[in-house]
Amino acid sequence: MGKTSTIRARIAPDLKDKAEQIFQKLGLTTTQAITLFYKQVELKKGLPFDVVIPNEITRKTFDATDSGRDLIICSNTDDMFNKLGI
C-alpha cells in the first residue's frame, strides 16, 4: 500500500530537535520513527508504553532523588547486593 496520508502536528522546537537527533543516531528519519510508533500502536492495540500519573509516594521519591536526597550510593554490584541484603 502506498503512502497517501499526511500527519501535521505542532510541537516545541527544542523537543523536535532533541528527538530528531536521537532518530538520526538510530538511523531513522522522522517519518520512519512516526511509522514505527504507529505500527506499535497497531500491534499492541494501544500505546506501546505505560502512561500513568505517579502516586504520591513515587512523586515524593522522584522529587527527593532529583534533588540528591535519600540516595544510596554503591561502589559496585557486590556493595549494592550487600546493601539490599541479597
PDB file of N, CA and C in Angstrom:
ATOM      1  N   MET A   1       0.849  -1.169   0.000  1.00  0.00           N
ATOM      2  CA  MET A   1       0.000   0.000   0.000  1.00  0.00           C
ATOM      3  C   MET A   1       0.896   1.234   0.000  1.00  0.00           C
ATOM      4  N   GLY A   2       0.609   2.172  -0.868  1.00  0.00           N
ATOM      5  CA  GLY A   2       1.385   3.396  -0.952  1.00  0.00           C
ATOM      6  C   GLY A   2       1.079   4.346   0.186  1.00  0.00           C
ATOM      7  N   LYS A   3       1.986   5.239   0.425  1.00  0.00           N
ATOM      8  CA  LYS A   3       1.792   6.233   1.478  1.00  0.00           C
ATOM      9  C   LYS A   3       0.976   7.384   0.907  1.00  0.00           C
ATOM     10  N   THR A   4      -0.198   7.594   1.463  1.00  0.00           N
ATOM     11  CA  THR A   4      -1.082   8.624   0.926  1.00  0.00           C
ATOM     12  C   THR A   4      -1.634   9.558   1.993  1.00  0.00           C
ATOM     13  N   SER A   5      -1.327   9.338   3.258  1.00  0.00           N
ATOM     14  CA  SER A   5      -1.850  10.191   4.324  1.00  0.00           C
ATOM     15  C   SER A   5      -0.756  11.089   4.868  1.00  0.00           C
ATOM     16  N   THR A   6      -1.176  12.257   5.299  1.00  0.00           N
ATOM     17  CA  THR A   6      -0.250  13.226   5.874  1.00  0.00           C
ATOM     18  C   THR A   6      -0.640  13.472   7.322  1.00  0.00           C
ATOM     19  N   ILE A   7       0.373  13.591   8.167  1.00  0.00           N
ATOM     20  CA  ILE A   7       0.157  13.930   9.575  1.00  0.00           C
ATOM     21  C   ILE A   7       0.801  15.290   9.804  1.00  0.00           C
ATOM     22  N   ARG A   8       0.057  16.201  10.418  1.00  0.00           N
ATOM     23  CA  ARG A   8       0.599  17.518  10.752  1.00  0.00           C
ATOM     24  C   ARG A   8       0.407  17.731  12.240  1.00  0.00           C
ATOM     25  N   ALA A   9       1.453  18.169  12.893  1.00  0.00           N
ATOM     26  CA  ALA A   9       1.366  18.425  14.330  1.00  0.00           C
ATOM     27  C   ALA A   9       2.295  19.575  14.690  1.00  0.00           C
ATOM     28  N   ARG A  10       1.892  20.345  15.657  1.00  0.00           N
ATOM     29  CA  ARG A  10       2.758  21.407  16.185  1.00  0.00           C
ATOM     30  C   ARG A  10       3.428  20.861  17.438  1.00  0.00           C
ATOM     31  N   ILE A  11       4.719  21.128  17.546  1.00  0.00           N
ATOM     32  CA  ILE A  11       5.491  20.609  18.672  1.00  0.00           C
ATOM     33  C   ILE A  11       6.568  21.624  19.032  1.00  0.00           C
ATOM     34  N   ALA A  12       6.972  21.650  20.279  1.00  0.00           N
ATOM     35  CA  ALA A  12       8.011  22.582  20.719  1.00  0.00           C
ATOM     36  C   ALA A  12       9.293  22.331  19.918  1.00  0.00           C
ATOM     37  N   PRO A  13       9.883  23.375  19.367  1.00  0.00           N
ATOM     38  CA  PRO A  13      11.085  23.205  18.536  1.00  0.00           C
ATOM     39  C   PRO A  13      12.218  22.469  19.237  1.00  0.00           C
ATOM     40  N   ASP A  14      12.424  22.746  20.525  1.00  0.00           N
ATOM     41  CA  ASP A  14      13.501  22.088  21.266  1.00  0.00           C
ATOM     42  C   ASP A  14      13.261  20.577  21.369  1.00  0.00           C
ATOM     43  N   LEU A  15      12.023  20.193  21.661  1.00  0.00           N
ATOM     44  CA  LEU A  15      11.684  18.772  21.737  1.00  0.00           C
ATOM     45  C   LEU A  15      11.876  18.104  20.381  1.00  0.00           C
ATOM     46  N   LYS A  16      11.436  18.765  19.332  1.00  0.00           N
ATOM     47  CA  LYS A  16      11.587  18.235  17.972  1.00  0.00           C
ATOM     48  C   LYS A  16      13.059  18.009  17.644  1.00  0.00           C
ATOM     49  N   ASP A  17      13.894  19.014  17.919  1.00  0.00           N
ATOM     50  CA  ASP A  17      15.323  18.899  17.615  1.00  0.00           C
ATOM     51  C   ASP A  17      15.976  17.759  18.394  1.00  0.00           C
ATOM     52  N   LYS A  18      15.664  17.654  19.682  1.00  0.00           N
ATOM     53  CA  LYS A  18      16.262  16.596  20.505  1.00  0.00           C
ATOM     54  C   LYS A  18      15.828  15.213  20.019  1.00  0.00           C
ATOM     55  N   ALA A  19      14.545  15.062  19.712  1.00  0.00           N
ATOM     56  CA  ALA A  19      14.044  13.773  19.234  1.00  0.00           C
ATOM     57  C   ALA A  19      14.668  13.418  17.891  1.00  0.00           C
ATOM     58  N   GLU A  20      14.781  14.390  16.994  1.00  0.00           N
ATOM     59  CA  GLU A  20      15.345  14.114  15.676  1.00  0.00           C
ATOM     60  C   GLU A  20      16.828  13.763  15.751  1.00  0.00           C
ATOM     61  N   GLN A  21      17.544  14.314  16.728  1.00  0.00           N
ATOM     62  CA  GLN A  21      18.945  13.927  16.931  1.00  0.00           C
ATOM     63  C   GLN A  21      19.034  12.455  17.325  1.00  0.00           C
ATOM     64  N   ILE A  22      18.103  12.022  18.170  1.00  0.00           N
ATOM     65  CA  ILE A  22      18.073  10.611  18.584  1.00  0.00           C
ATOM     66  C   ILE A  22      17.690   9.729  17.409  1.00  0.00           C
ATOM     67  N   PHE A  23      16.694  10.141  16.628  1.00  0.00           N
ATOM     68  CA  PHE A  23      16.319   9.372  15.436  1.00  0.00           C
ATOM     69  C   PHE A  23      17.520   9.203  14.518  1.00  0.00           C
ATOM     70  N   GLN A  24      18.276  10.280  14.320  1.00  0.00           N
ATOM     71  CA  GLN A  24      19.440  10.229  13.443  1.00  0.00           C
ATOM     72  C   GLN A  24      20.468   9.226  13.959  1.00  0.00           C
ATOM     73  N   LYS A  25      20.710   9.215  15.273  1.00  0.00           N
ATOM     74  CA  LYS A  25      21.646   8.246  15.862  1.00  0.00           C
ATOM     75  C   LYS A  25      21.167   6.814  15.645  1.00  0.00           C
ATOM     76  N   LEU A  26      19.856   6.640  15.592  1.00  0.00           N
ATOM     77  CA  LEU A  26      19.275   5.313  15.376  1.00  0.00           C
ATOM     78  C   LEU A  26      19.165   4.963  13.900  1.00  0.00           C
ATOM     79  N   GLY A  27      19.521   5.920  13.034  1.00  0.00           N
ATOM     80  CA  GLY A  27      19.432   5.683  11.600  1.00  0.00           C
ATOM     81  C   GLY A  27      18.013   5.776  11.059  1.00  0.00           C
ATOM     82  N   LEU A  28      17.178   6.554  11.738  1.00  0.00           N
ATOM     83  CA  LEU A  28      15.781   6.702  11.337  1.00  0.00           C
ATOM     84  C   LEU A  28      15.488   8.125  10.897  1.00  0.00           C
ATOM     85  N   THR A  29      14.625   8.259   9.921  1.00  0.00           N
ATOM     86  CA  THR A  29      14.068   9.568   9.606  1.00  0.00           C
ATOM     87  C   THR A  29      12.893   9.804  10.547  1.00  0.00           C
ATOM     88  N   THR A  30      12.426  11.040  10.608  1.00  0.00           N
ATOM     89  CA  THR A  30      11.252  11.334  11.438  1.00  0.00           C
ATOM     90  C   THR A  30      10.044  10.540  10.934  1.00  0.00           C
ATOM     91  N   THR A  31       9.897  10.443   9.624  1.00  0.00           N
ATOM     92  CA  THR A  31       8.779   9.675   9.046  1.00  0.00           C
ATOM     93  C   THR A  31       8.865   8.211   9.462  1.00  0.00           C
ATOM     94  N   GLN A  32      10.051   7.636   9.427  1.00  0.00           N
ATOM     95  CA  GLN A  32      10.214   6.235   9.830  1.00  0.00           C
ATOM     96  C   GLN A  32       9.898   6.051  11.312  1.00  0.00           C
ATOM     97  N   ALA A  33      10.320   7.010  12.146  1.00  0.00           N
ATOM     98  CA  ALA A  33      10.050   6.924  13.584  1.00  0.00           C
ATOM     99  C   ALA A  33       8.551   7.004  13.861  1.00  0.00           C
ATOM    100  N   ILE A  34       7.862   7.904  13.171  1.00  0.00           N
ATOM    101  CA  ILE A  34       6.412   8.019  13.350  1.00  0.00           C
ATOM    102  C   ILE A  34       5.722   6.737  12.870  1.00  0.00           C
ATOM    103  N   THR A  35       6.164   6.206  11.737  1.00  0.00           N
ATOM    104  CA  THR A  35       5.594   4.949  11.225  1.00  0.00           C
ATOM    105  C   THR A  35       5.822   3.820  12.221  1.00  0.00           C
ATOM    106  N   LEU A  36       7.011   3.757  12.803  1.00  0.00           N
ATOM    107  CA  LEU A  36       7.321   2.734  13.809  1.00  0.00           C
ATOM    108  C   LEU A  36       6.384   2.866  15.007  1.00  0.00           C
ATOM    109  N   PHE A  37       6.176   4.088  15.467  1.00  0.00           N
ATOM    110  CA  PHE A  37       5.259   4.326  16.578  1.00  0.00           C
ATOM    111  C   PHE A  37       3.851   3.855  16.230  1.00  0.00           C
ATOM    112  N   TYR A  38       3.355   4.240  15.066  1.00  0.00           N
ATOM    113  CA  TYR A  38       2.013   3.841  14.639  1.00  0.00           C
ATOM    114  C   TYR A  38       1.896   2.319  14.518  1.00  0.00           C
ATOM    115  N   LYS A  39       2.935   1.667  14.004  1.00  0.00           N
ATOM    116  CA  LYS A  39       2.916   0.198  13.878  1.00  0.00           C
ATOM    117  C   LYS A  39       2.812  -0.447  15.256  1.00  0.00           C
ATOM    118  N   GLN A  40       3.551   0.092  16.230  1.00  0.00           N
ATOM    119  CA  GLN A  40       3.494  -0.454  17.581  1.00  0.00           C
ATOM    120  C   GLN A  40       2.117  -0.229  18.205  1.00  0.00           C
ATOM    121  N   VAL A  41       1.515   0.915  17.960  1.00  0.00           N
ATOM    122  CA  VAL A  41       0.149   1.169  18.449  1.00  0.00           C
ATOM    123  C   VAL A  41      -0.797   0.143  17.851  1.00  0.00           C
ATOM    124  N   GLU A  42      -0.647  -0.113  16.556  1.00  0.00           N
ATOM    125  CA  GLU A  42      -1.498  -1.098  15.875  1.00  0.00           C
ATOM    126  C   GLU A  42      -1.301  -2.496  16.459  1.00  0.00           C
ATOM    127  N   LEU A  43      -0.039  -2.900  16.633  1.00  0.00           N
ATOM    128  CA  LEU A  43       0.250  -4.245  17.148  1.00  0.00           C
ATOM    129  C   LEU A  43      -0.241  -4.443  18.574  1.00  0.00           C
ATOM    130  N   LYS A  44      -0.051  -3.425  19.416  1.00  0.00           N
ATOM    131  CA  LYS A  44      -0.421  -3.542  20.829  1.00  0.00           C
ATOM    132  C   LYS A  44      -1.860  -3.129  21.092  1.00  0.00           C
ATOM    133  N   LYS A  45      -2.506  -2.579  20.061  1.00  0.00           N
ATOM    134  CA  LYS A  45      -3.872  -2.086  20.193  1.00  0.00           C
ATOM    135  C   LYS A  45      -3.979  -1.055  21.326  1.00  0.00           C
ATOM    136  N   GLY A  46      -2.989  -0.197  21.394  1.00  0.00           N
ATOM    137  CA  GLY A  46      -2.915   0.857  22.399  1.00  0.00           C
ATOM    138  C   GLY A  46      -1.536   1.472  22.356  1.00  0.00           C
ATOM    139  N   LEU A  47      -1.262   2.342  23.286  1.00  0.00           N
ATOM    140  CA  LEU A  47       0.059   2.956  23.328  1.00  0.00           C
ATOM    141  C   LEU A  47       1.112   1.903  23.660  1.00  0.00           C
ATOM    142  N   PRO A  48       2.294   1.992  23.053  1.00  0.00           N
ATOM    143  CA  PRO A  48       3.322   0.975  23.280  1.00  0.00           C
ATOM    144  C   PRO A  48       4.137   1.206  24.551  1.00  0.00           C
ATOM    145  N   PHE A  49       3.605   1.980  25.466  1.00  0.00           N
ATOM    146  CA  PHE A  49       4.261   2.231  26.742  1.00  0.00           C
ATOM    147  C   PHE A  49       3.182   2.619  27.746  1.00  0.00           C
ATOM    148  N   ASP A  50       3.492   2.463  29.023  1.00  0.00           N
ATOM    149  CA  ASP A  50       2.539   2.824  30.063  1.00  0.00           C
ATOM    150  C   ASP A  50       2.470   4.337  30.213  1.00  0.00           C
ATOM    151  N   VAL A  51       1.273   4.855  30.325  1.00  0.00           N
ATOM    152  CA  VAL A  51       1.064   6.269  30.608  1.00  0.00           C
ATOM    153  C   VAL A  51       0.318   6.321  31.932  1.00  0.00           C
ATOM    154  N   VAL A  52       1.024   6.780  32.958  1.00  0.00           N
ATOM    155  CA  VAL A  52       0.429   6.792  34.292  1.00  0.00           C
ATOM    156  C   VAL A  52       0.762   8.094  35.001  1.00  0.00           C
ATOM    157  N   ILE A  53      -0.049   8.427  35.952  1.00  0.00           N
ATOM    158  CA  ILE A  53       0.222   9.555  36.824  1.00  0.00           C
ATOM    159  C   ILE A  53       0.843   8.970  38.090  1.00  0.00           C
ATOM    160  N   PRO A  54       2.075   9.389  38.427  1.00  0.00           N
ATOM    161  CA  PRO A  54       2.725   8.818  39.608  1.00  0.00           C
ATOM    162  C   PRO A  54       1.906   9.066  40.870  1.00  0.00           C
ATOM    163  N   ASN A  55       1.881   8.049  41.754  1.00  0.00           N
ATOM    164  CA  ASN A  55       1.190   8.243  43.024  1.00  0.00           C
ATOM    165  C   ASN A  55       2.045   9.136  43.923  1.00  0.00           C
ATOM    166  N   GLU A  56       1.526   9.492  45.073  1.00  0.00           N
ATOM    167  CA  GLU A  56       2.193  10.448  45.963  1.00  0.00           C
ATOM    168  C   GLU A  56       3.569   9.953  46.410  1.00  0.00           C
ATOM    169  N   ILE A  57       3.693   8.676  46.733  1.00  0.00           N
ATOM    170  CA  ILE A  57       4.985   8.133  47.177  1.00  0.00           C
ATOM    171  C   ILE A  57       6.013   8.202  46.045  1.00  0.00           C
ATOM    172  N   THR A  58       5.599   7.824  44.847  1.00  0.00           N
ATOM    173  CA  THR A  58       6.507   7.864  43.705  1.00  0.00           C
ATOM    174  C   THR A  58       6.919   9.300  43.404  1.00  0.00           C
ATOM    175  N   ARG A  59       5.967  10.229  43.445  1.00  0.00           N
ATOM    176  CA  ARG A  59       6.280  11.633  43.178  1.00  0.00           C
ATOM    177  C   ARG A  59       7.266  12.183  44.199  1.00  0.00           C
ATOM    178  N   LYS A  60       7.067  11.853  45.476  1.00  0.00           N
ATOM    179  CA  LYS A  60       7.986  12.308  46.528  1.00  0.00           C
ATOM    180  C   LYS A  60       9.371  11.698  46.326  1.00  0.00           C
ATOM    181  N   THR A  61       9.418  10.441  45.926  1.00  0.00           N
ATOM    182  CA  THR A  61      10.696   9.782  45.667  1.00  0.00           C
ATOM    183  C   THR A  61      11.416  10.453  44.507  1.00  0.00           C
ATOM    184  N   PHE A  62      10.699  10.746  43.424  1.00  0.00           N
ATOM    185  CA  PHE A  62      11.298  11.461  42.285  1.00  0.00           C
ATOM    186  C   PHE A  62      11.847  12.813  42.733  1.00  0.00           C
ATOM    187  N   ASP A  63      11.053  13.553  43.512  1.00  0.00           N
ATOM    188  CA  ASP A  63      11.480  14.867  43.986  1.00  0.00           C
ATOM    189  C   ASP A  63      12.748  14.755  44.835  1.00  0.00           C
ATOM    190  N   ALA A  64      12.779  13.762  45.724  1.00  0.00           N
ATOM    191  CA  ALA A  64      13.933  13.588  46.602  1.00  0.00           C
ATOM    192  C   ALA A  64      15.188  13.215  45.810  1.00  0.00           C
ATOM    193  N   THR A  65      15.070  12.240  44.927  1.00  0.00           N
ATOM    194  CA  THR A  65      16.259  11.815  44.177  1.00  0.00           C
ATOM    195  C   THR A  65      16.710  12.885  43.188  1.00  0.00           C
ATOM    196  N   ASP A  66      15.766  13.618  42.597  1.00  0.00           N
ATOM    197  CA  ASP A  66      16.139  14.698  41.685  1.00  0.00           C
ATOM    198  C   ASP A  66      16.942  15.783  42.403  1.00  0.00           C
ATOM    199  N   SER A  67      16.649  15.972  43.682  1.00  0.00           N
ATOM    200  CA  SER A  67      17.373  16.989  44.442  1.00  0.00           C
ATOM    201  C   SER A  67      18.557  16.393  45.209  1.00  0.00           C
ATOM    202  N   GLY A  68      18.834  15.093  45.006  1.00  0.00           N
ATOM    203  CA  GLY A  68      20.003  14.463  45.615  1.00  0.00           C
ATOM    204  C   GLY A  68      19.806  13.988  47.042  1.00  0.00           C
ATOM    205  N   ARG A  69      18.555  13.935  47.509  1.00  0.00           N
ATOM    206  CA  ARG A  69      18.266  13.473  48.867  1.00  0.00           C
ATOM    207  C   ARG A  69      17.926  11.979  48.867  1.00  0.00           C
ATOM    208  N   ASP A  70      18.177  11.336  49.984  1.00  0.00           N
ATOM    209  CA  ASP A  70      17.779   9.941  50.214  1.00  0.00           C
ATOM    210  C   ASP A  70      18.361   8.975  49.181  1.00  0.00           C
ATOM    211  N   LEU A  71      19.572   9.254  48.710  1.00  0.00           N
ATOM    212  CA  LEU A  71      20.224   8.368  47.747  1.00  0.00           C
ATOM    213  C   LEU A  71      21.106   7.372  48.479  1.00  0.00           C
ATOM    214  N   ILE A  72      21.155   6.179  47.980  1.00  0.00           N
ATOM    215  CA  ILE A  72      22.091   5.175  48.486  1.00  0.00           C
ATOM    216  C   ILE A  72      23.090   4.932  47.363  1.00  0.00           C
ATOM    217  N   ILE A  73      24.336   5.272  47.625  1.00  0.00           N
ATOM    218  CA  ILE A  73      25.386   5.158  46.620  1.00  0.00           C
ATOM    219  C   ILE A  73      26.138   3.852  46.854  1.00  0.00           C
ATOM    220  N   CYS A  74      26.322   3.092  45.787  1.00  0.00           N
ATOM    221  CA  CYS A  74      27.030   1.819  45.859  1.00  0.00           C
ATOM    222  C   CYS A  74      28.294   1.902  45.024  1.00  0.00           C
ATOM    223  N   SER A  75      29.359   1.287  45.529  1.00  0.00           N
ATOM    224  CA  SER A  75      30.631   1.347  44.814  1.00  0.00           C
ATOM    225  C   SER A  75      30.718   0.300  43.713  1.00  0.00           C
ATOM    226  N   ASN A  76      29.952  -0.772  43.842  1.00  0.00           N
ATOM    227  CA  ASN A  76      29.935  -1.827  42.814  1.00  0.00           C
ATOM    228  C   ASN A  76      28.723  -2.722  43.057  1.00  0.00           C
ATOM    229  N   THR A  77      28.563  -3.746  42.235  1.00  0.00           N
ATOM    230  CA  THR A  77      27.380  -4.610  42.374  1.00  0.00           C
ATOM    231  C   THR A  77      27.379  -5.383  43.682  1.00  0.00           C
ATOM    232  N   ASP A  78      28.552  -5.834  44.140  1.00  0.00           N
ATOM    233  CA  ASP A  78      28.608  -6.547  45.419  1.00  0.00           C
ATOM    234  C   ASP A  78      28.135  -5.654  46.556  1.00  0.00           C
ATOM    235  N   ASP A  79      28.576  -4.383  46.541  1.00  0.00           N
ATOM    236  CA  ASP A  79      28.168  -3.418  47.557  1.00  0.00           C
ATOM    237  C   ASP A  79      26.652  -3.211  47.487  1.00  0.00           C
ATOM    238  N   MET A  80      26.106  -3.120  46.268  1.00  0.00           N
ATOM    239  CA  MET A  80      24.668  -2.924  46.096  1.00  0.00           C
ATOM    240  C   MET A  80      23.895  -4.110  46.660  1.00  0.00           C
ATOM    241  N   PHE A  81      24.299  -5.340  46.275  1.00  0.00           N
ATOM    242  CA  PHE A  81      23.606  -6.517  46.773  1.00  0.00           C
ATOM    243  C   PHE A  81      23.718  -6.618  48.300  1.00  0.00           C
ATOM    244  N   ASN A  82      24.857  -6.255  48.846  1.00  0.00           N
ATOM    245  CA  ASN A  82      25.043  -6.279  50.295  1.00  0.00           C
ATOM    246  C   ASN A  82      24.080  -5.298  50.965  1.00  0.00           C
ATOM    247  N   LYS A  83      23.978  -4.083  50.420  1.00  0.00           N
ATOM    248  CA  LYS A  83      23.090  -3.077  50.998  1.00  0.00           C
ATOM    249  C   LYS A  83      21.619  -3.478  50.853  1.00  0.00           C
ATOM    250  N   LEU A  84      21.313  -4.250  49.805  1.00  0.00           N
ATOM    251  CA  LEU A  84      19.950  -4.750  49.613  1.00  0.00           C
ATOM    252  C   LEU A  84      19.659  -5.999  50.457  1.00  0.00           C
ATOM    253  N   GLY A  85      20.712  -6.571  51.035  1.00  0.00           N
ATOM    254  CA  GLY A  85      20.538  -7.777  51.841  1.00  0.00           C
ATOM    255  C   GLY A  85      20.347  -9.019  51.010  1.00  0.00           C
ATOM    256  N   ILE A  86      20.882  -9.001  49.809  1.00  0.00           N
ATOM    257  CA  ILE A  86      20.734 -10.151  48.903  1.00  0.00           C
ATOM    258  C   ILE A  86      22.019 -10.948  48.897  1.00  0.00           C
TER     259      ILE A  86
END
